[in-house]
Amino acid sequence: MPSRVYLDWNATTPLRPEARTAMVAAFDLLGNPSSVHAEGREARRLVEEARAELAVAVGALPRNVIFTSAGTEANALALSPGLRGPAGGPVERLLVSAVEHASVLAGGRFPGASIALIEVTRSGVIDLDHLTAQLNDGPPALVSIMAANNETGALQPVAEAAQIVHEAGGLLHIDAIQALGKIPFDIKAVGADLATFSAHKIGGPKGIGALVVAEGIAGLEPVLRGGGQELNRRAGTENVAGIAGFGAAVKAALQALRKDAERMATLRNHLENGIRGVAGATIFSEEVERLPNTVLFTAPCLKAETAVIGFDLEGVAVSSGSACSSGKVQPSHVLSAMGFDPVVSQGAVRLSLGWSTKPDDINRALEAWRKLGNTLLKG
């Protein structure tokens, strides 16, 4: 029986060998990283080495890297009322793009009345004119925009948004969880004030994330209080093994970024060409710059949940563009924000590639899609 094909890398990735090795070594350590004895200092060394790796990768200083339990917690920590920049007063409201991850749309510690949505275009890219209008219609704001959308792969104009936000006296948070390891990301180059990351999207372990803060940002309020860990910004004993795995994964991902991105883009293009040739399929956000690994498509009368099961039975793991809640398939909020009818968005299927995806994997996915197209979509 042939091995299965995994094309759901935007959901999670395999553990990189480098991360596994680092974690095994960390599991053998006894000390608490807050302890001052030799065992504690050795655990602290692993934490700080990983902090430095992530800082270098995203153009930050190690002291501004805060480890959390996941990307969701990192986003919640970032969305903190009262944040202040070097030259501005505290932010009083939150503006988020309509295509953000649920952990950002939840608004962090901002009360619901102070949260507003920023519209996106039909291609899934933030409407900068609407952002400008929103910023001019109230007190200083924290703006949250993802660098790359997890469903469509569309890249957002974060540098342009940063300039607009700062001119209005606001601050910019970038959810860079899908961007890290797939495209270059530098917090200073894009002008972000805060950025969030997650280890398991780049070959690290699940259950570890990070918030990176630019120099001069103050007013960050901890979500978890207690001990003085993470420079009093996130209480709780550090997950040493998870952090070590995160650092090793970051280093490995950045070393191979250019080569992997070029190879994945070539495979993605081949995949898209094959998808279009079956049953009138269309690709979402294909007219704008996207991640090199992501394809979100639909076809007339396609039901995503049926297609995902069909791919699975053919040995190919893919995902739906719809969000599942309590067992009910709901239309994708991303595609709804882009202006697509719920009937269309309920038929969206996502395939996402990774560093070990092979041409044969793409060919098997296309073979499965041709078979599904000939059975599911025949009227």
Protein backbone atom coordinates (compact mmCIF):
# COMPACT_ATOMS: atom_id res chain seq x y z
CA MET A 1 0.00 0.00 0.00
CA PRO A 2 1.47 3.40 -0.94
CA SER A 3 2.25 5.82 1.86
CA ARG A 4 -0.16 8.65 2.53
CA VAL A 5 0.34 12.12 1.11
CA TYR A 6 0.20 14.98 3.60
CA LEU A 7 -0.92 18.31 2.10
CA ASP A 8 -2.18 20.13 5.19
CA TRP A 9 1.01 21.90 6.24
CA ASN A 10 -0.78 25.16 7.11
CA ALA A 11 -2.60 23.26 9.86
CA THR A 12 0.55 21.74 11.31
CA THR A 13 3.90 20.39 10.15
CA PRO A 14 6.01 17.33 10.87
CA LEU A 15 8.59 17.73 13.60
CA ARG A 16 11.95 18.59 12.06
CA PRO A 17 14.83 16.25 12.99
CA GLU A 18 16.74 19.22 14.39
CA ALA A 19 13.82 20.09 16.68
CA ARG A 20 13.44 16.49 17.82
CA THR A 21 17.14 16.28 18.70
CA ALA A 22 17.01 19.53 20.65
CA MET A 23 13.91 18.43 22.55
CA VAL A 24 15.33 15.02 23.48
CA ALA A 25 18.39 16.73 24.94
CA ALA A 26 16.18 19.18 26.85
CA PHE A 27 14.04 16.40 28.29
CA ASP A 28 17.15 15.00 29.95
CA LEU A 29 17.78 18.24 31.84
CA LEU A 30 16.68 18.39 35.46
CA GLY A 31 16.77 22.07 36.31
CA ASN A 32 14.10 24.74 36.43
CA PRO A 33 15.28 27.67 34.27
CA SER A 34 14.50 30.07 37.11
CA SER A 35 16.82 28.28 39.52
CA VAL A 36 20.31 29.66 40.13
CA HIS A 37 22.17 26.37 40.60
CA ALA A 38 24.05 24.62 37.79
CA GLU A 39 21.08 22.52 36.71
CA GLY A 40 18.88 25.58 36.51
CA ARG A 41 21.50 27.54 34.61
CA GLU A 42 21.78 24.79 32.00
CA ALA A 43 18.01 24.87 31.42
CA ARG A 44 18.17 28.66 31.22
CA ARG A 45 20.92 28.41 28.62
CA LEU A 46 18.67 26.38 26.30
CA VAL A 47 15.83 28.87 26.69
CA GLU A 48 18.06 31.85 25.96
CA GLU A 49 19.71 30.17 22.97
CA ALA A 50 16.29 29.57 21.45
CA ARG A 51 15.24 33.14 22.24
CA ALA A 52 18.31 34.39 20.39
CA GLU A 53 17.57 32.16 17.37
CA LEU A 54 14.07 33.55 16.99
CA ALA A 55 15.25 37.12 17.56
CA VAL A 56 17.87 36.83 14.81
CA ALA A 57 15.35 35.23 12.45
CA VAL A 58 12.85 38.10 12.72
CA GLY A 59 15.14 41.08 13.22
CA ALA A 60 14.47 41.64 16.91
CA LEU A 61 16.42 41.80 20.16
CA PRO A 62 16.35 38.69 22.37
CA ARG A 63 15.02 40.68 25.34
CA ASN A 64 11.91 41.44 23.29
CA VAL A 65 11.00 37.79 22.61
CA ILE A 66 8.29 36.41 24.93
CA PHE A 67 7.56 32.68 24.83
CA THR A 68 3.93 31.57 25.25
CA SER A 69 1.96 28.34 25.14
CA ALA A 70 0.88 28.81 21.51
CA GLY A 71 0.20 31.35 18.79
CA THR A 72 -3.28 31.88 20.20
CA GLU A 73 -1.91 32.96 23.57
CA ALA A 74 0.68 35.14 21.84
CA ASN A 75 -2.10 36.93 19.96
CA ALA A 76 -4.11 37.37 23.15
CA LEU A 77 -1.06 38.83 24.88
CA ALA A 78 -0.38 41.22 21.99
CA LEU A 79 -3.92 42.61 21.91
CA SER A 80 -3.54 44.64 25.07
CA PRO A 81 -5.31 47.98 25.63
CA GLY A 82 -2.99 50.73 26.83
CA LEU A 83 0.00 49.80 24.67
CA ARG A 84 2.24 52.78 24.00
CA GLY A 85 4.86 53.46 21.38
CA PRO A 86 7.96 55.67 21.68
CA ALA A 87 6.12 58.79 20.51
CA GLY A 88 2.44 58.16 21.14
CA GLY A 89 -0.17 57.81 23.81
CA PRO A 90 -1.92 54.58 24.78
CA VAL A 91 -4.09 52.81 22.20
CA GLU A 92 -7.76 52.84 23.10
CA ARG A 93 -9.34 50.65 20.43
CA LEU A 94 -8.59 47.71 18.16
CA LEU A 95 -8.92 47.45 14.39
CA VAL A 96 -8.56 43.98 12.86
CA SER A 97 -8.88 42.84 9.28
CA ALA A 98 -11.96 40.79 8.53
CA VAL A 99 -9.84 37.79 7.46
CA GLU A 100 -7.87 37.36 10.68
CA HIS A 101 -7.49 34.14 12.64
CA ALA A 102 -10.17 33.51 15.27
CA SER A 103 -7.68 34.23 18.06
CA VAL A 104 -7.28 37.78 16.75
CA LEU A 105 -10.95 38.32 15.93
CA ALA A 106 -11.65 37.47 19.58
CA GLY A 107 -10.01 40.80 20.42
CA GLY A 108 -7.70 39.90 23.29
CA ARG A 109 -8.39 42.15 26.29
CA PHE A 110 -10.18 44.83 24.24
CA PRO A 111 -13.89 45.22 25.06
CA GLY A 112 -16.21 44.37 22.17
CA ALA A 113 -17.41 47.93 21.70
CA SER A 114 -13.87 49.09 20.94
CA ILE A 115 -13.20 46.50 18.19
CA ALA A 116 -13.86 47.26 14.50
CA LEU A 117 -13.26 45.30 11.31
CA ILE A 118 -11.19 46.45 8.35
CA GLU A 119 -12.61 45.44 4.99
CA VAL A 120 -10.71 43.36 2.42
CA THR A 121 -10.91 43.23 -1.35
CA ARG A 122 -12.32 40.40 -3.46
CA SER A 123 -8.78 39.04 -3.56
CA GLY A 124 -8.54 38.89 0.22
CA VAL A 125 -6.14 41.82 0.60
CA ILE A 126 -6.77 44.51 3.20
CA ASP A 127 -8.43 47.69 1.89
CA LEU A 128 -5.90 50.38 2.83
CA ASP A 129 -8.37 53.18 2.12
CA HIS A 130 -10.81 51.67 4.59
CA LEU A 131 -8.01 51.28 7.12
CA THR A 132 -7.14 54.96 6.73
CA ALA A 133 -10.76 56.01 7.16
CA GLN A 134 -11.11 53.87 10.28
CA LEU A 135 -7.95 55.30 11.83
CA ASN A 136 -9.09 58.85 11.18
CA ASP A 137 -12.44 58.20 12.85
CA GLY A 138 -11.43 57.88 16.48
CA PRO A 139 -8.67 57.77 19.11
CA PRO A 140 -5.32 55.99 18.64
CA ALA A 141 -5.74 52.36 17.67
CA LEU A 142 -3.89 49.09 17.72
CA VAL A 143 -4.23 47.52 14.28
CA SER A 144 -3.88 43.76 13.81
CA ILE A 145 -3.19 42.29 10.36
CA MET A 146 -1.85 38.86 9.44
CA ALA A 147 1.20 38.78 7.19
CA ALA A 148 -0.21 35.85 5.22
CA ASN A 149 -3.68 34.36 5.31
CA ASN A 150 -3.88 30.80 6.53
CA GLU A 151 -6.68 29.87 4.10
CA THR A 152 -5.95 31.67 0.83
CA GLY A 153 -2.22 32.28 1.34
CA ALA A 154 -2.71 35.93 0.29
CA LEU A 155 0.07 38.23 1.49
CA GLN A 156 -0.98 41.48 3.10
CA PRO A 157 0.63 44.90 2.44
CA VAL A 158 1.94 45.09 5.99
CA ALA A 159 4.69 47.65 5.32
CA GLU A 160 2.24 50.04 3.68
CA ALA A 161 -0.23 49.47 6.51
CA ALA A 162 2.48 50.19 9.09
CA GLN A 163 3.16 53.59 7.57
CA ILE A 164 -0.54 54.48 7.58
CA VAL A 165 -1.00 53.26 11.14
CA HIS A 166 2.00 55.12 12.51
CA GLU A 167 1.07 58.36 10.75
CA ALA A 168 -2.26 58.13 12.58
CA GLY A 169 -0.53 57.65 15.94
CA GLY A 170 -1.40 53.96 16.22
CA LEU A 171 0.49 50.69 16.63
CA LEU A 172 0.61 47.64 14.37
CA HIS A 173 0.47 43.98 15.38
CA ILE A 174 1.33 41.40 12.73
CA ASP A 175 0.21 37.80 13.03
CA ALA A 176 3.18 36.27 11.21
CA ILE A 177 2.41 32.67 12.14
CA GLN A 178 1.92 31.48 8.56
CA ALA A 179 4.70 33.66 7.17
CA LEU A 180 7.65 32.50 9.26
CA GLY A 181 9.79 30.01 7.39
CA LYS A 182 7.92 30.48 4.11
CA ILE A 183 8.74 34.09 3.22
CA PRO A 184 11.26 36.54 4.70
CA PHE A 185 9.93 38.43 7.71
CA ASP A 186 11.72 41.17 9.61
CA ILE A 187 9.82 43.10 12.26
CA LYS A 188 11.86 46.26 11.69
CA ALA A 189 11.72 46.08 7.90
CA VAL A 190 7.93 45.89 7.82
CA GLY A 191 7.51 48.43 10.63
CA ALA A 192 5.58 46.17 12.98
CA ASP A 193 5.33 47.01 16.67
CA LEU A 194 4.39 43.47 17.71
CA ALA A 195 4.50 40.14 15.88
CA THR A 196 3.37 36.64 16.81
CA PHE A 197 4.72 33.21 15.84
CA SER A 198 4.01 29.52 16.41
CA ALA A 199 6.51 26.65 16.47
CA HIS A 200 4.41 23.88 14.98
CA LYS A 201 3.91 25.77 11.71
CA ILE A 202 7.65 25.55 10.94
CA GLY A 203 8.57 22.08 12.12
CA GLY A 204 8.70 22.74 15.84
CA PRO A 205 6.53 21.15 18.52
CA LYS A 206 2.91 21.96 19.22
CA GLY A 207 2.17 24.00 22.32
CA ILE A 208 4.80 26.73 22.04
CA GLY A 209 4.51 30.20 20.52
CA ALA A 210 6.07 33.62 20.87
CA LEU A 211 5.28 37.30 20.88
CA VAL A 212 8.02 39.62 19.65
CA VAL A 213 7.83 43.28 20.62
CA ALA A 214 9.66 46.14 18.92
CA GLU A 215 11.97 48.41 20.88
CA GLY A 216 10.20 51.20 22.75
CA ILE A 217 6.82 49.50 23.12
CA ALA A 218 5.41 49.78 26.64
CA GLY A 219 2.18 49.01 28.44
CA LEU A 220 2.01 45.30 27.63
CA GLU A 221 -0.17 43.66 30.26
CA PRO A 222 0.43 39.95 31.03
CA VAL A 223 -2.38 37.50 30.45
CA LEU A 224 -0.91 35.13 33.04
CA ARG A 225 0.30 36.60 36.32
CA GLY A 226 2.28 35.01 39.11
CA GLY A 227 6.02 34.49 38.87
CA GLY A 228 8.46 36.78 37.15
CA GLN A 229 9.19 34.61 34.13
CA GLU A 230 9.74 36.15 30.68
CA LEU A 231 10.76 39.45 32.28
CA ASN A 232 7.42 39.64 34.12
CA ARG A 233 5.47 39.49 30.85
CA ARG A 234 4.26 35.86 30.99
CA ALA A 235 4.16 33.96 34.27
CA GLY A 236 4.70 30.22 34.46
CA THR A 237 7.69 27.89 34.31
CA GLU A 238 9.04 27.88 30.78
CA ASN A 239 8.43 24.86 28.56
CA VAL A 240 12.15 24.20 28.13
CA ALA A 241 11.84 21.28 25.71
CA GLY A 242 9.25 23.06 23.59
CA ILE A 243 11.29 26.25 23.50
CA ALA A 244 14.44 24.33 22.55
CA GLY A 245 12.54 22.64 19.74
CA PHE A 246 11.19 26.02 18.58
CA GLY A 247 14.69 27.49 18.42
CA ALA A 248 16.07 24.53 16.47
CA ALA A 249 13.13 24.60 14.05
CA VAL A 250 13.55 28.33 13.44
CA LYS A 251 17.23 27.91 12.64
CA ALA A 252 16.60 25.02 10.26
CA ALA A 253 13.69 26.75 8.54
CA LEU A 254 15.59 29.96 7.95
CA GLN A 255 18.63 28.17 6.56
CA ALA A 256 16.48 26.45 3.94
CA LEU A 257 13.93 29.23 3.35
CA ARG A 258 14.92 30.34 -0.14
CA LYS A 259 15.45 26.85 -1.50
CA ASP A 260 12.25 25.49 0.02
CA ALA A 261 10.17 28.48 -1.09
CA GLU A 262 11.31 28.19 -4.70
CA ARG A 263 10.68 24.46 -4.79
CA MET A 264 7.26 24.75 -3.17
CA ALA A 265 6.22 27.51 -5.57
CA THR A 266 7.11 25.29 -8.53
CA LEU A 267 5.10 22.40 -7.09
CA ARG A 268 2.19 24.69 -6.21
CA ASN A 269 2.02 26.03 -9.76
CA HIS A 270 1.96 22.47 -11.14
CA LEU A 271 -0.78 21.60 -8.65
CA GLU A 272 -2.88 24.61 -9.59
CA ASN A 273 -2.57 23.94 -13.31
CA GLY A 274 -3.85 20.42 -12.75
CA ILE A 275 -6.70 21.54 -10.48
CA ARG A 276 -7.96 24.08 -13.00
CA GLY A 277 -8.27 21.40 -15.65
CA VAL A 278 -11.00 19.53 -13.77
CA ALA A 279 -14.68 20.46 -13.42
CA GLY A 280 -14.24 24.21 -13.90
CA ALA A 281 -12.25 24.65 -10.70
CA THR A 282 -11.08 28.11 -9.66
CA ILE A 283 -8.28 29.24 -7.34
CA PHE A 284 -8.96 31.88 -4.68
CA SER A 285 -6.64 34.93 -4.48
CA GLU A 286 -4.62 33.72 -7.49
CA GLU A 287 -4.35 37.27 -8.84
CA VAL A 288 -2.36 38.55 -5.83
CA GLU A 289 0.92 37.60 -4.23
CA ARG A 290 0.56 34.52 -2.04
CA LEU A 291 2.52 32.11 0.06
CA PRO A 292 4.49 29.72 -2.15
CA ASN A 293 2.85 26.67 -0.58
CA THR A 294 -0.89 27.39 -0.39
CA VAL A 295 -3.79 26.58 -2.73
CA LEU A 296 -7.44 27.24 -1.89
CA PHE A 297 -9.85 26.19 -4.63
CA THR A 298 -13.45 25.31 -5.35
CA ALA A 299 -15.56 23.98 -8.20
CA PRO A 300 -19.22 24.34 -9.08
CA CYS A 301 -21.44 22.25 -6.77
CA LEU A 302 -18.44 21.00 -4.77
CA LYS A 303 -19.05 20.25 -1.08
CA ALA A 304 -15.84 20.69 0.88
CA GLU A 305 -16.58 18.14 3.58
CA THR A 306 -17.30 15.50 0.93
CA ALA A 307 -14.16 16.40 -1.00
CA VAL A 308 -11.96 16.25 2.10
CA ILE A 309 -13.29 12.78 2.90
CA GLY A 310 -12.81 11.75 -0.71
CA PHE A 311 -9.19 12.90 -0.73
CA ASP A 312 -8.65 11.12 2.58
CA LEU A 313 -9.98 7.85 1.19
CA GLU A 314 -7.51 8.24 -1.67
CA GLY A 315 -4.68 8.61 0.83
CA VAL A 316 -4.30 12.39 0.58
CA ALA A 317 -4.69 14.64 3.63
CA VAL A 318 -6.16 18.07 2.79
CA SER A 319 -8.43 20.46 4.66
CA SER A 320 -11.58 22.46 4.13
CA GLY A 321 -11.73 26.21 3.78
CA SER A 322 -14.70 26.09 6.13
CA ALA A 323 -14.40 26.37 9.90
CA CYS A 324 -15.95 23.60 11.98
CA SER A 325 -17.73 24.40 15.22
CA SER A 326 -19.61 21.90 17.36
CA GLY A 327 -19.75 19.49 14.45
CA LYS A 328 -21.40 21.98 12.10
CA VAL A 329 -19.64 23.14 8.96
CA GLN A 330 -19.88 26.89 8.64
CA PRO A 331 -18.95 29.06 5.64
CA SER A 332 -15.38 30.37 5.80
CA HIS A 333 -15.36 33.82 7.39
CA VAL A 334 -12.37 34.63 5.17
CA LEU A 335 -14.26 33.95 1.95
CA SER A 336 -17.36 35.66 3.31
CA ALA A 337 -15.28 38.78 4.02
CA MET A 338 -14.00 38.58 0.45
CA GLY A 339 -17.59 38.77 -0.77
CA PHE A 340 -18.19 35.17 -1.83
CA ASP A 341 -21.58 33.54 -1.45
CA PRO A 342 -21.79 30.93 1.36
CA VAL A 343 -22.57 28.26 -1.25
CA VAL A 344 -19.20 28.99 -2.86
CA SER A 345 -17.24 29.19 0.39
CA GLN A 346 -18.68 25.90 1.64
CA GLY A 347 -17.02 24.23 -1.33
CA ALA A 348 -13.51 25.55 -0.63
CA VAL A 349 -10.71 23.01 -0.25
CA ARG A 350 -7.19 23.90 0.88
CA LEU A 351 -4.00 22.10 -0.03
CA SER A 352 -0.77 23.30 1.56
CA LEU A 353 2.74 22.06 0.89
CA GLY A 354 5.92 21.79 2.92
CA TRP A 355 9.66 21.24 2.75
CA SER A 356 9.38 17.48 2.16
CA THR A 357 6.54 17.58 -0.38
CA LYS A 358 7.62 15.71 -3.53
CA PRO A 359 6.48 15.92 -7.17
CA ASP A 360 4.92 12.47 -6.78
CA ASP A 361 2.81 13.80 -3.90
CA ILE A 362 1.40 16.46 -6.21
CA ASN A 363 0.74 13.93 -8.94
CA ARG A 364 -1.13 11.67 -6.51
CA ALA A 365 -3.21 14.62 -5.28
CA LEU A 366 -4.11 15.53 -8.85
CA GLU A 367 -5.01 11.93 -9.61
CA ALA A 368 -7.30 11.94 -6.57
CA TRP A 369 -8.85 15.24 -7.66
CA ARG A 370 -9.52 13.98 -11.19
CA LYS A 371 -11.21 10.90 -9.75
CA LEU A 372 -13.28 13.01 -7.35
CA GLY A 373 -14.19 15.47 -10.06
CA ASN A 374 -15.48 12.68 -12.27
CA THR A 375 -17.62 11.24 -9.47
CA LEU A 376 -18.70 14.06 -7.16
CA LEU A 377 -19.41 16.71 -9.77
CA LYS A 378 -21.12 14.72 -12.50
CA GLY A 379 -24.69 15.93 -12.83
